[in-house]
Amino acid sequence: MVEALLYRTCRKHVRYYRVEIAFNLFTEASVVIEWGLRGGTPNRLIFCHGDLRGASAAADKYRERALRRGYVLS
């Protein structure tokens, strides 16, 4: 399991964005994306990929997109 946790401070709130690569029960690699306000209810998306290489490329894409939107690595 590999994870990147990013934060962004907006006025009074602290937002977070988490990208994780994990293996599921069917020997596929999944990319889990979670975002929201710190202390609040998270939003979550899960994308399944046939191999680790595809999952890694997708996770990098989502991490780079979050960095462009102002999130910073913790």
PDB file of N, CA and C in Angstrom:
ATOM      1  N   MET A   1       0.845  -1.171   0.000  1.00  0.00           N
ATOM      2  CA  MET A   1       0.000   0.000   0.000  1.00  0.00           C
ATOM      3  C   MET A   1       0.895   1.239   0.000  1.00  0.00           C
ATOM      4  N   VAL A   2       0.712   2.097  -0.976  1.00  0.00           N
ATOM      5  CA  VAL A   2       1.455   3.345  -1.114  1.00  0.00           C
ATOM      6  C   VAL A   2       0.458   4.485  -1.041  1.00  0.00           C
ATOM      7  N   GLU A   3       0.824   5.552  -0.328  1.00  0.00           N
ATOM      8  CA  GLU A   3      -0.116   6.634  -0.096  1.00  0.00           C
ATOM      9  C   GLU A   3       0.578   7.985  -0.203  1.00  0.00           C
ATOM     10  N   ALA A   4      -0.122   8.974  -0.762  1.00  0.00           N
ATOM     11  CA  ALA A   4       0.322  10.369  -0.777  1.00  0.00           C
ATOM     12  C   ALA A   4      -0.781  11.188  -0.118  1.00  0.00           C
ATOM     13  N   LEU A   5      -0.413  11.987   0.879  1.00  0.00           N
ATOM     14  CA  LEU A   5      -1.371  12.805   1.610  1.00  0.00           C
ATOM     15  C   LEU A   5      -1.000  14.259   1.395  1.00  0.00           C
ATOM     16  N   LEU A   6      -1.959  15.036   0.880  1.00  0.00           N
ATOM     17  CA  LEU A   6      -1.719  16.438   0.568  1.00  0.00           C
ATOM     18  C   LEU A   6      -2.719  17.300   1.320  1.00  0.00           C
ATOM     19  N   TYR A   7      -2.308  18.534   1.670  1.00  0.00           N
ATOM     20  CA  TYR A   7      -3.173  19.466   2.392  1.00  0.00           C
ATOM     21  C   TYR A   7      -3.234  20.799   1.674  1.00  0.00           C
ATOM     22  N   ARG A   8      -4.338  21.521   1.898  1.00  0.00           N
ATOM     23  CA  ARG A   8      -4.495  22.877   1.392  1.00  0.00           C
ATOM     24  C   ARG A   8      -5.323  23.651   2.400  1.00  0.00           C
ATOM     25  N   THR A   9      -4.869  24.826   2.767  1.00  0.00           N
ATOM     26  CA  THR A   9      -5.596  25.675   3.709  1.00  0.00           C
ATOM     27  C   THR A   9      -6.391  26.710   2.933  1.00  0.00           C
ATOM     28  N   CYS A  10      -7.689  26.723   3.159  1.00  0.00           N
ATOM     29  CA  CYS A  10      -8.595  27.668   2.500  1.00  0.00           C
ATOM     30  C   CYS A  10      -9.339  28.448   3.567  1.00  0.00           C
ATOM     31  N   ARG A  11      -8.988  29.687   3.726  1.00  0.00           N
ATOM     32  CA  ARG A  11      -9.619  30.572   4.723  1.00  0.00           C
ATOM     33  C   ARG A  11      -9.602  29.905   6.089  1.00  0.00           C
ATOM     34  N   LYS A  12     -10.745  29.424   6.563  1.00  0.00           N
ATOM     35  CA  LYS A  12     -10.842  28.821   7.891  1.00  0.00           C
ATOM     36  C   LYS A  12     -10.674  27.311   7.882  1.00  0.00           C
ATOM     37  N   HIS A  13     -10.736  26.692   6.709  1.00  0.00           N
ATOM     38  CA  HIS A  13     -10.764  25.238   6.611  1.00  0.00           C
ATOM     39  C   HIS A  13      -9.435  24.671   6.127  1.00  0.00           C
ATOM     40  N   VAL A  14      -9.170  23.463   6.550  1.00  0.00           N
ATOM     41  CA  VAL A  14      -8.030  22.709   6.030  1.00  0.00           C
ATOM     42  C   VAL A  14      -8.597  21.554   5.223  1.00  0.00           C
ATOM     43  N   ARG A  15      -8.263  21.516   3.953  1.00  0.00           N
ATOM     44  CA  ARG A  15      -8.720  20.455   3.067  1.00  0.00           C
ATOM     45  C   ARG A  15      -7.603  19.446   2.882  1.00  0.00           C
ATOM     46  N   TYR A  16      -7.981  18.208   2.639  1.00  0.00           N
ATOM     47  CA  TYR A  16      -6.978  17.180   2.381  1.00  0.00           C
ATOM     48  C   TYR A  16      -7.354  16.411   1.127  1.00  0.00           C
ATOM     49  N   TYR A  17      -6.340  15.795   0.533  1.00  0.00           N
ATOM     50  CA  TYR A  17      -6.500  14.986  -0.670  1.00  0.00           C
ATOM     51  C   TYR A  17      -5.557  13.809  -0.514  1.00  0.00           C
ATOM     52  N   ARG A  18      -6.076  12.601  -0.553  1.00  0.00           N
ATOM     53  CA  ARG A  18      -5.260  11.404  -0.342  1.00  0.00           C
ATOM     54  C   ARG A  18      -5.379  10.501  -1.554  1.00  0.00           C
ATOM     55  N   VAL A  19      -4.227  10.067  -2.051  1.00  0.00           N
ATOM     56  CA  VAL A  19      -4.171   9.123  -3.175  1.00  0.00           C
ATOM     57  C   VAL A  19      -3.442   7.889  -2.675  1.00  0.00           C
ATOM     58  N   GLU A  20      -4.042   6.726  -2.862  1.00  0.00           N
ATOM     59  CA  GLU A  20      -3.471   5.477  -2.351  1.00  0.00           C
ATOM     60  C   GLU A  20      -3.555   4.389  -3.418  1.00  0.00           C
ATOM     61  N   ILE A  21      -2.514   3.582  -3.480  1.00  0.00           N
ATOM     62  CA  ILE A  21      -2.525   2.394  -4.331  1.00  0.00           C
ATOM     63  C   ILE A  21      -2.598   1.179  -3.418  1.00  0.00           C
ATOM     64  N   ALA A  22      -3.569   0.327  -3.644  1.00  0.00           N
ATOM     65  CA  ALA A  22      -3.751  -0.863  -2.808  1.00  0.00           C
ATOM     66  C   ALA A  22      -4.157  -2.041  -3.698  1.00  0.00           C
ATOM     67  N   PHE A  23      -3.866  -3.233  -3.238  1.00  0.00           N
ATOM     68  CA  PHE A  23      -4.290  -4.434  -3.959  1.00  0.00           C
ATOM     69  C   PHE A  23      -5.638  -4.887  -3.416  1.00  0.00           C
ATOM     70  N   ASN A  24      -6.527  -5.317  -4.314  1.00  0.00           N
ATOM     71  CA  ASN A  24      -7.820  -5.811  -3.869  1.00  0.00           C
ATOM     72  C   ASN A  24      -7.820  -7.338  -3.851  1.00  0.00           C
ATOM     73  N   LEU A  25      -8.942  -7.945  -3.562  1.00  0.00           N
ATOM     74  CA  LEU A  25      -9.028  -9.393  -3.419  1.00  0.00           C
ATOM     75  C   LEU A  25      -8.887 -10.148  -4.741  1.00  0.00           C
ATOM     76  N   PHE A  26      -9.021  -9.454  -5.850  1.00  0.00           N
ATOM     77  CA  PHE A  26      -8.976 -10.098  -7.153  1.00  0.00           C
ATOM     78  C   PHE A  26      -7.631  -9.913  -7.838  1.00  0.00           C
ATOM     79  N   THR A  27      -6.581  -9.681  -7.074  1.00  0.00           N
ATOM     80  CA  THR A  27      -5.201  -9.471  -7.535  1.00  0.00           C
ATOM     81  C   THR A  27      -5.085  -8.325  -8.532  1.00  0.00           C
ATOM     82  N   GLU A  28      -5.948  -7.345  -8.424  1.00  0.00           N
ATOM     83  CA  GLU A  28      -5.856  -6.120  -9.204  1.00  0.00           C
ATOM     84  C   GLU A  28      -5.316  -5.016  -8.302  1.00  0.00           C
ATOM     85  N   ALA A  29      -4.758  -4.009  -8.903  1.00  0.00           N
ATOM     86  CA  ALA A  29      -4.311  -2.838  -8.154  1.00  0.00           C
ATOM     87  C   ALA A  29      -5.403  -1.774  -8.235  1.00  0.00           C
ATOM     88  N   SER A  30      -5.752  -1.214  -7.109  1.00  0.00           N
ATOM     89  CA  SER A  30      -6.788  -0.186  -7.054  1.00  0.00           C
ATOM     90  C   SER A  30      -6.174   1.142  -6.657  1.00  0.00           C
ATOM     91  N   VAL A  31      -6.696   2.224  -7.229  1.00  0.00           N
ATOM     92  CA  VAL A  31      -6.321   3.578  -6.836  1.00  0.00           C
ATOM     93  C   VAL A  31      -7.491   4.137  -6.043  1.00  0.00           C
ATOM     94  N   VAL A  32      -7.235   4.507  -4.803  1.00  0.00           N
ATOM     95  CA  VAL A  32      -8.259   5.076  -3.929  1.00  0.00           C
ATOM     96  C   VAL A  32      -7.960   6.556  -3.782  1.00  0.00           C
ATOM     97  N   ILE A  33      -8.943   7.392  -4.106  1.00  0.00           N
ATOM     98  CA  ILE A  33      -8.808   8.835  -3.965  1.00  0.00           C
ATOM     99  C   ILE A  33      -9.819   9.284  -2.926  1.00  0.00           C
ATOM    100  N   GLU A  34      -9.339  10.032  -1.947  1.00  0.00           N
ATOM    101  CA  GLU A  34     -10.208  10.505  -0.865  1.00  0.00           C
ATOM    102  C   GLU A  34      -9.914  11.984  -0.654  1.00  0.00           C
ATOM    103  N   TRP A  35     -10.959  12.800  -0.495  1.00  0.00           N
ATOM    104  CA  TRP A  35     -10.766  14.220  -0.278  1.00  0.00           C
ATOM    105  C   TRP A  35     -11.888  14.755   0.595  1.00  0.00           C
ATOM    106  N   GLY A  36     -11.642  15.933   1.171  1.00  0.00           N
ATOM    107  CA  GLY A  36     -12.654  16.574   1.998  1.00  0.00           C
ATOM    108  C   GLY A  36     -12.044  17.525   2.993  1.00  0.00           C
ATOM    109  N   LEU A  37     -12.867  17.969   3.927  1.00  0.00           N
ATOM    110  CA  LEU A  37     -12.403  18.837   4.996  1.00  0.00           C
ATOM    111  C   LEU A  37     -11.860  17.980   6.135  1.00  0.00           C
ATOM    112  N   ARG A  38     -10.787  18.433   6.749  1.00  0.00           N
ATOM    113  CA  ARG A  38     -10.230  17.685   7.873  1.00  0.00           C
ATOM    114  C   ARG A  38     -11.260  17.653   9.006  1.00  0.00           C
ATOM    115  N   GLY A  39     -11.565  16.478   9.478  1.00  0.00           N
ATOM    116  CA  GLY A  39     -12.558  16.293  10.522  1.00  0.00           C
ATOM    117  C   GLY A  39     -13.966  16.086  10.004  1.00  0.00           C
ATOM    118  N   GLY A  40     -14.156  16.169   8.697  1.00  0.00           N
ATOM    119  CA  GLY A  40     -15.478  16.001   8.102  1.00  0.00           C
ATOM    120  C   GLY A  40     -15.636  14.634   7.463  1.00  0.00           C
ATOM    121  N   THR A  41     -16.752  14.449   6.803  1.00  0.00           N
ATOM    122  CA  THR A  41     -17.020  13.195   6.105  1.00  0.00           C
ATOM    123  C   THR A  41     -16.276  13.199   4.769  1.00  0.00           C
ATOM    124  N   PRO A  42     -15.466  12.171   4.506  1.00  0.00           N
ATOM    125  CA  PRO A  42     -14.673  12.175   3.270  1.00  0.00           C
ATOM    126  C   PRO A  42     -15.483  11.745   2.049  1.00  0.00           C
ATOM    127  N   ASN A  43     -15.038  12.198   0.899  1.00  0.00           N
ATOM    128  CA  ASN A  43     -15.544  11.726  -0.393  1.00  0.00           C
ATOM    129  C   ASN A  43     -14.515  10.729  -0.904  1.00  0.00           C
ATOM    130  N   ARG A  44     -14.967   9.662  -1.549  1.00  0.00           N
ATOM    131  CA  ARG A  44     -14.029   8.615  -1.957  1.00  0.00           C
ATOM    132  C   ARG A  44     -14.413   8.046  -3.315  1.00  0.00           C
ATOM    133  N   LEU A  45     -13.383   7.837  -4.147  1.00  0.00           N
ATOM    134  CA  LEU A  45     -13.525   7.159  -5.433  1.00  0.00           C
ATOM    135  C   LEU A  45     -12.507   6.036  -5.489  1.00  0.00           C
ATOM    136  N   ILE A  46     -12.880   4.914  -6.098  1.00  0.00           N
ATOM    137  CA  ILE A  46     -11.979   3.774  -6.243  1.00  0.00           C
ATOM    138  C   ILE A  46     -11.968   3.369  -7.715  1.00  0.00           C
ATOM    139  N   PHE A  47     -10.763   3.270  -8.275  1.00  0.00           N
ATOM    140  CA  PHE A  47     -10.583   2.849  -9.663  1.00  0.00           C
ATOM    141  C   PHE A  47      -9.740   1.587  -9.672  1.00  0.00           C
ATOM    142  N   CYS A  48     -10.198   0.545 -10.349  1.00  0.00           N
ATOM    143  CA  CYS A  48      -9.460  -0.721 -10.433  1.00  0.00           C
ATOM    144  C   CYS A  48      -8.665  -0.768 -11.733  1.00  0.00           C
ATOM    145  N   HIS A  49      -7.432  -1.291 -11.623  1.00  0.00           N
ATOM    146  CA  HIS A  49      -6.540  -1.435 -12.769  1.00  0.00           C
ATOM    147  C   HIS A  49      -6.029  -2.868 -12.800  1.00  0.00           C
ATOM    148  N   GLY A  50      -5.752  -3.356 -13.970  1.00  0.00           N
ATOM    149  CA  GLY A  50      -5.316  -4.730 -14.132  1.00  0.00           C
ATOM    150  C   GLY A  50      -3.914  -5.001 -13.628  1.00  0.00           C
ATOM    151  N   ASP A  51      -3.072  -3.963 -13.585  1.00  0.00           N
ATOM    152  CA  ASP A  51      -1.706  -4.170 -13.123  1.00  0.00           C
ATOM    153  C   ASP A  51      -1.228  -2.964 -12.311  1.00  0.00           C
ATOM    154  N   LEU A  52      -0.115  -3.148 -11.648  1.00  0.00           N
ATOM    155  CA  LEU A  52       0.441  -2.104 -10.782  1.00  0.00           C
ATOM    156  C   LEU A  52       0.937  -0.916 -11.595  1.00  0.00           C
ATOM    157  N   ARG A  53       1.442  -1.156 -12.765  1.00  0.00           N
ATOM    158  CA  ARG A  53       1.962  -0.068 -13.600  1.00  0.00           C
ATOM    159  C   ARG A  53       0.850   0.904 -13.989  1.00  0.00           C
ATOM    160  N   GLY A  54      -0.291   0.390 -14.393  1.00  0.00           N
ATOM    161  CA  GLY A  54      -1.418   1.244 -14.744  1.00  0.00           C
ATOM    162  C   GLY A  54      -1.956   2.009 -13.546  1.00  0.00           C
ATOM    163  N   ALA A  55      -2.006   1.346 -12.398  1.00  0.00           N
ATOM    164  CA  ALA A  55      -2.473   2.015 -11.179  1.00  0.00           C
ATOM    165  C   ALA A  55      -1.507   3.108 -10.768  1.00  0.00           C
ATOM    166  N   SER A  56      -0.217   2.858 -10.890  1.00  0.00           N
ATOM    167  CA  SER A  56       0.786   3.851 -10.526  1.00  0.00           C
ATOM    168  C   SER A  56       0.711   5.079 -11.426  1.00  0.00           C
ATOM    169  N   ALA A  57       0.520   4.873 -12.715  1.00  0.00           N
ATOM    170  CA  ALA A  57       0.390   5.993 -13.648  1.00  0.00           C
ATOM    171  C   ALA A  57      -0.851   6.824 -13.336  1.00  0.00           C
ATOM    172  N   ALA A  58      -1.952   6.164 -13.022  1.00  0.00           N
ATOM    173  CA  ALA A  58      -3.186   6.881 -12.684  1.00  0.00           C
ATOM    174  C   ALA A  58      -3.031   7.649 -11.372  1.00  0.00           C
ATOM    175  N   ALA A  59      -2.396   7.040 -10.381  1.00  0.00           N
ATOM    176  CA  ALA A  59      -2.199   7.708  -9.093  1.00  0.00           C
ATOM    177  C   ALA A  59      -1.308   8.932  -9.259  1.00  0.00           C
ATOM    178  N   ASP A  60      -0.273   8.830 -10.080  1.00  0.00           N
ATOM    179  CA  ASP A  60       0.591   9.984 -10.343  1.00  0.00           C
ATOM    180  C   ASP A  60      -0.178  11.111 -11.000  1.00  0.00           C
ATOM    181  N   LYS A  61      -1.081  10.762 -11.910  1.00  0.00           N
ATOM    182  CA  LYS A  61      -1.892  11.775 -12.583  1.00  0.00           C
ATOM    183  C   LYS A  61      -2.762  12.534 -11.582  1.00  0.00           C
ATOM    184  N   TYR A  62      -3.410  11.812 -10.667  1.00  0.00           N
ATOM    185  CA  TYR A  62      -4.261  12.462  -9.672  1.00  0.00           C
ATOM    186  C   TYR A  62      -3.454  13.279  -8.675  1.00  0.00           C
ATOM    187  N   ARG A  63      -2.278  12.794  -8.291  1.00  0.00           N
ATOM    188  CA  ARG A  63      -1.420  13.538  -7.359  1.00  0.00           C
ATOM    189  C   ARG A  63      -0.931  14.826  -8.005  1.00  0.00           C
ATOM    190  N   GLU A  64      -0.488  14.768  -9.248  1.00  0.00           N
ATOM    191  CA  GLU A  64      -0.026  15.960  -9.953  1.00  0.00           C
ATOM    192  C   GLU A  64      -1.148  16.980 -10.127  1.00  0.00           C
ATOM    193  N   ARG A  65      -2.350  16.495 -10.398  1.00  0.00           N
ATOM    194  CA  ARG A  65      -3.496  17.395 -10.547  1.00  0.00           C
ATOM    195  C   ARG A  65      -3.784  18.128  -9.240  1.00  0.00           C
ATOM    196  N   ALA A  66      -3.693  17.414  -8.116  1.00  0.00           N
ATOM    197  CA  ALA A  66      -3.915  18.054  -6.816  1.00  0.00           C
ATOM    198  C   ALA A  66      -2.828  19.073  -6.510  1.00  0.00           C
ATOM    199  N   LEU A  67      -1.588  18.769  -6.867  1.00  0.00           N
ATOM    200  CA  LEU A  67      -0.499  19.717  -6.641  1.00  0.00           C
ATOM    201  C   LEU A  67      -0.700  20.986  -7.466  1.00  0.00           C
ATOM    202  N   ARG A  68      -1.189  20.867  -8.689  1.00  0.00           N
ATOM    203  CA  ARG A  68      -1.460  22.037  -9.526  1.00  0.00           C
ATOM    204  C   ARG A  68      -2.585  22.887  -8.937  1.00  0.00           C
ATOM    205  N   ARG A  69      -3.505  22.253  -8.197  1.00  0.00           N
ATOM    206  CA  ARG A  69      -4.629  22.987  -7.606  1.00  0.00           C
ATOM    207  C   ARG A  69      -4.295  23.598  -6.256  1.00  0.00           C
ATOM    208  N   GLY A  70      -3.036  23.515  -5.832  1.00  0.00           N
ATOM    209  CA  GLY A  70      -2.627  24.215  -4.615  1.00  0.00           C
ATOM    210  C   GLY A  70      -2.409  23.345  -3.394  1.00  0.00           C
ATOM    211  N   TYR A  71      -2.591  22.049  -3.498  1.00  0.00           N
ATOM    212  CA  TYR A  71      -2.319  21.165  -2.368  1.00  0.00           C
ATOM    213  C   TYR A  71      -0.813  20.995  -2.237  1.00  0.00           C
ATOM    214  N   VAL A  72      -0.342  20.802  -1.016  1.00  0.00           N
ATOM    215  CA  VAL A  72       1.088  20.584  -0.768  1.00  0.00           C
ATOM    216  C   VAL A  72       1.249  19.268  -0.009  1.00  0.00           C
ATOM    217  N   LEU A  73       2.382  18.610  -0.232  1.00  0.00           N
ATOM    218  CA  LEU A  73       2.668  17.350   0.464  1.00  0.00           C
ATOM    219  C   LEU A  73       2.850  17.614   1.942  1.00  0.00           C
ATOM    220  N   SER A  74       2.346  16.719   2.758  1.00  0.00           N
ATOM    221  CA  SER A  74       2.505  16.872   4.216  1.00  0.00           C
ATOM    222  C   SER A  74       3.800  16.276   4.678  1.00  0.00           C
TER     223      SER A  74
END
